[in-house]
Amino acid sequence: MFDGFDMSKMQDMIQNMQEKAKELEEKSKATTFRVKSGGGLVEVVSNGAGEIVDITIDDSLLEDKDSLQILLISAVNDALKMAEDNKKTQALNMFGGLNPFGNK
């Protein structure tokens, strides 16, 4: 069934993919995504690993808790979506354009 199948090549291929995945993870952490909501009243910065690394809130929002919450949720969700989309794009590039996710 596995005649002519070279297990050492398979191991090399797996090791190579693991190394590429680690490189992508490090590169993702170094990538930042800056999102503004409310015309710039709230700014959220995330890294490519999906971690929020900074939040800036305009002082005018400190008296309006409801607006602050809405704008903050919106900006955080957008920043995390950008990081997730970046991860998918990098994974697609690693797989040479084959889509392991089954969608766009």
C-alpha atoms as a PDB file:
ATOM      1  CA  MET A   1       0.000   0.000   0.000  1.00  0.00           C
ATOM      2  CA  PHE A   2       2.842   2.395   0.844  1.00  0.00           C
ATOM      3  CA  ASP A   3       5.407   1.015  -1.611  1.00  0.00           C
ATOM      4  CA  GLY A   4       7.867   3.709  -2.565  1.00  0.00           C
ATOM      5  CA  PHE A   5       6.617   6.058   0.153  1.00  0.00           C
ATOM      6  CA  ASP A   6       9.548   7.778   1.864  1.00  0.00           C
ATOM      7  CA  MET A   7       8.673   8.492   5.499  1.00  0.00           C
ATOM      8  CA  SER A   8      11.772  10.658   5.964  1.00  0.00           C
ATOM      9  CA  LYS A   9      10.498  13.048   3.271  1.00  0.00           C
ATOM     10  CA  MET A  10       7.146  13.209   5.034  1.00  0.00           C
ATOM     11  CA  GLN A  11       8.874  14.012   8.346  1.00  0.00           C
ATOM     12  CA  ASP A  12      10.970  16.702   6.660  1.00  0.00           C
ATOM     13  CA  MET A  13       7.833  18.189   5.123  1.00  0.00           C
ATOM     14  CA  ILE A  14       6.022  18.235   8.482  1.00  0.00           C
ATOM     15  CA  GLN A  15       9.024  19.779  10.223  1.00  0.00           C
ATOM     16  CA  ASN A  16       9.271  22.425   7.497  1.00  0.00           C
ATOM     17  CA  MET A  17       5.575  23.300   7.900  1.00  0.00           C
ATOM     18  CA  GLN A  18       5.981  23.541  11.686  1.00  0.00           C
ATOM     19  CA  GLU A  19       8.900  25.930  11.233  1.00  0.00           C
ATOM     20  CA  LYS A  20       6.886  28.055   8.792  1.00  0.00           C
ATOM     21  CA  ALA A  21       3.942  28.117  11.201  1.00  0.00           C
ATOM     22  CA  LYS A  22       6.225  29.302  14.006  1.00  0.00           C
ATOM     23  CA  GLU A  23       7.676  32.011  11.752  1.00  0.00           C
ATOM     24  CA  LEU A  24       4.158  33.138  10.819  1.00  0.00           C
ATOM     25  CA  GLU A  25       3.169  33.301  14.478  1.00  0.00           C
ATOM     26  CA  GLU A  26       6.165  35.504  15.306  1.00  0.00           C
ATOM     27  CA  LYS A  27       5.496  37.695  12.271  1.00  0.00           C
ATOM     28  CA  SER A  28       1.840  38.002  13.295  1.00  0.00           C
ATOM     29  CA  LYS A  29       2.758  39.246  16.754  1.00  0.00           C
ATOM     30  CA  ALA A  30       4.859  41.972  15.152  1.00  0.00           C
ATOM     31  CA  THR A  31       1.994  43.079  12.878  1.00  0.00           C
ATOM     32  CA  THR A  32      -0.417  45.644  14.293  1.00  0.00           C
ATOM     33  CA  PHE A  33      -3.916  46.664  13.264  1.00  0.00           C
ATOM     34  CA  ARG A  34      -5.234  50.096  14.207  1.00  0.00           C
ATOM     35  CA  VAL A  35      -9.014  50.613  14.197  1.00  0.00           C
ATOM     36  CA  LYS A  36     -10.936  53.786  14.967  1.00  0.00           C
ATOM     37  CA  SER A  37     -14.630  54.150  15.724  1.00  0.00           C
ATOM     38  CA  GLY A  38     -16.858  57.128  16.395  1.00  0.00           C
ATOM     39  CA  GLY A  39     -14.853  59.307  14.054  1.00  0.00           C
ATOM     40  CA  GLY A  40     -11.671  58.582  15.983  1.00  0.00           C
ATOM     41  CA  LEU A  41     -13.081  58.967  19.488  1.00  0.00           C
ATOM     42  CA  VAL A  42     -12.022  55.394  20.244  1.00  0.00           C
ATOM     43  CA  GLU A  43      -8.921  53.730  18.827  1.00  0.00           C
ATOM     44  CA  VAL A  44      -7.996  50.086  19.376  1.00  0.00           C
ATOM     45  CA  VAL A  45      -4.716  48.491  18.366  1.00  0.00           C
ATOM     46  CA  SER A  46      -4.359  44.724  18.133  1.00  0.00           C
ATOM     47  CA  ASN A  47      -1.498  42.546  17.013  1.00  0.00           C
ATOM     48  CA  GLY A  48      -1.715  39.758  14.478  1.00  0.00           C
ATOM     49  CA  ALA A  49      -2.023  37.212  17.274  1.00  0.00           C
ATOM     50  CA  GLY A  50      -5.412  38.683  18.167  1.00  0.00           C
ATOM     51  CA  GLU A  51      -4.273  40.452  21.322  1.00  0.00           C
ATOM     52  CA  ILE A  52      -5.432  43.977  22.112  1.00  0.00           C
ATOM     53  CA  VAL A  53      -2.242  45.954  22.760  1.00  0.00           C
ATOM     54  CA  ASP A  54      -3.565  49.505  23.144  1.00  0.00           C
ATOM     55  CA  ILE A  55      -6.801  51.437  23.559  1.00  0.00           C
ATOM     56  CA  THR A  56      -7.181  55.214  23.294  1.00  0.00           C
ATOM     57  CA  ILE A  57     -10.402  56.917  24.405  1.00  0.00           C
ATOM     58  CA  ASP A  58     -11.203  60.558  23.801  1.00  0.00           C
ATOM     59  CA  ASP A  59     -11.931  62.409  27.057  1.00  0.00           C
ATOM     60  CA  SER A  60     -15.313  63.554  25.729  1.00  0.00           C
ATOM     61  CA  LEU A  61     -16.593  59.972  25.995  1.00  0.00           C
ATOM     62  CA  LEU A  62     -15.800  59.614  29.682  1.00  0.00           C
ATOM     63  CA  GLU A  63     -19.146  61.185  30.594  1.00  0.00           C
ATOM     64  CA  ASP A  64     -21.154  58.998  28.159  1.00  0.00           C
ATOM     65  CA  LYS A  65     -20.753  55.406  29.276  1.00  0.00           C
ATOM     66  CA  ASP A  66     -23.289  53.950  26.801  1.00  0.00           C
ATOM     67  CA  SER A  67     -21.642  55.541  23.768  1.00  0.00           C
ATOM     68  CA  LEU A  68     -18.210  54.558  25.039  1.00  0.00           C
ATOM     69  CA  GLN A  69     -19.262  50.917  25.395  1.00  0.00           C
ATOM     70  CA  ILE A  70     -20.801  50.808  21.904  1.00  0.00           C
ATOM     71  CA  LEU A  71     -17.782  52.411  20.229  1.00  0.00           C
ATOM     72  CA  LEU A  72     -15.329  50.277  22.187  1.00  0.00           C
ATOM     73  CA  ILE A  73     -17.119  47.023  21.341  1.00  0.00           C
ATOM     74  CA  SER A  74     -17.233  48.009  17.677  1.00  0.00           C
ATOM     75  CA  ALA A  75     -13.540  48.906  17.513  1.00  0.00           C
ATOM     76  CA  VAL A  76     -12.420  45.788  19.423  1.00  0.00           C
ATOM     77  CA  ASN A  77     -14.492  43.505  17.191  1.00  0.00           C
ATOM     78  CA  ASP A  78     -13.110  45.158  14.039  1.00  0.00           C
ATOM     79  CA  ALA A  79      -9.520  44.883  15.291  1.00  0.00           C
ATOM     80  CA  LEU A  80      -9.916  41.204  16.187  1.00  0.00           C
ATOM     81  CA  LYS A  81     -11.564  40.494  12.810  1.00  0.00           C
ATOM     82  CA  MET A  82      -8.629  42.111  11.025  1.00  0.00           C
ATOM     83  CA  ALA A  83      -6.184  39.970  12.999  1.00  0.00           C
ATOM     84  CA  GLU A  84      -8.164  36.793  12.236  1.00  0.00           C
ATOM     85  CA  ASP A  85      -8.384  37.641   8.526  1.00  0.00           C
ATOM     86  CA  ASN A  86      -4.627  38.223   8.509  1.00  0.00           C
ATOM     87  CA  LYS A  87      -4.029  34.805  10.096  1.00  0.00           C
ATOM     88  CA  LYS A  88      -6.171  33.135   7.432  1.00  0.00           C
ATOM     89  CA  THR A  89      -4.402  34.988   4.627  1.00  0.00           C
ATOM     90  CA  GLN A  90      -0.998  33.981   5.940  1.00  0.00           C
ATOM     91  CA  ALA A  91      -2.116  30.369   6.336  1.00  0.00           C
ATOM     92  CA  LEU A  92      -3.418  30.363   2.760  1.00  0.00           C
ATOM     93  CA  ASN A  93      -0.061  31.685   1.582  1.00  0.00           C
ATOM     94  CA  MET A  94       1.693  28.952   3.553  1.00  0.00           C
ATOM     95  CA  PHE A  95      -0.451  26.300   1.851  1.00  0.00           C
ATOM     96  CA  GLY A  96       0.302  27.751  -1.566  1.00  0.00           C
ATOM     97  CA  GLY A  97      -3.203  29.073  -2.146  1.00  0.00           C
ATOM     98  CA  LEU A  98      -5.066  25.918  -1.149  1.00  0.00           C
ATOM     99  CA  ASN A  99      -7.900  26.878   1.188  1.00  0.00           C
ATOM    100  CA  PRO A 100      -8.044  24.542   4.214  1.00  0.00           C
ATOM    101  CA  PHE A 101     -10.892  26.653   5.675  1.00  0.00           C
ATOM    102  CA  GLY A 102     -13.423  25.702   3.006  1.00  0.00           C
ATOM    103  CA  ASN A 103     -14.645  29.280   2.451  1.00  0.00           C
ATOM    104  CA  LYS A 104     -13.372  32.654   1.271  1.00  0.00           C
END
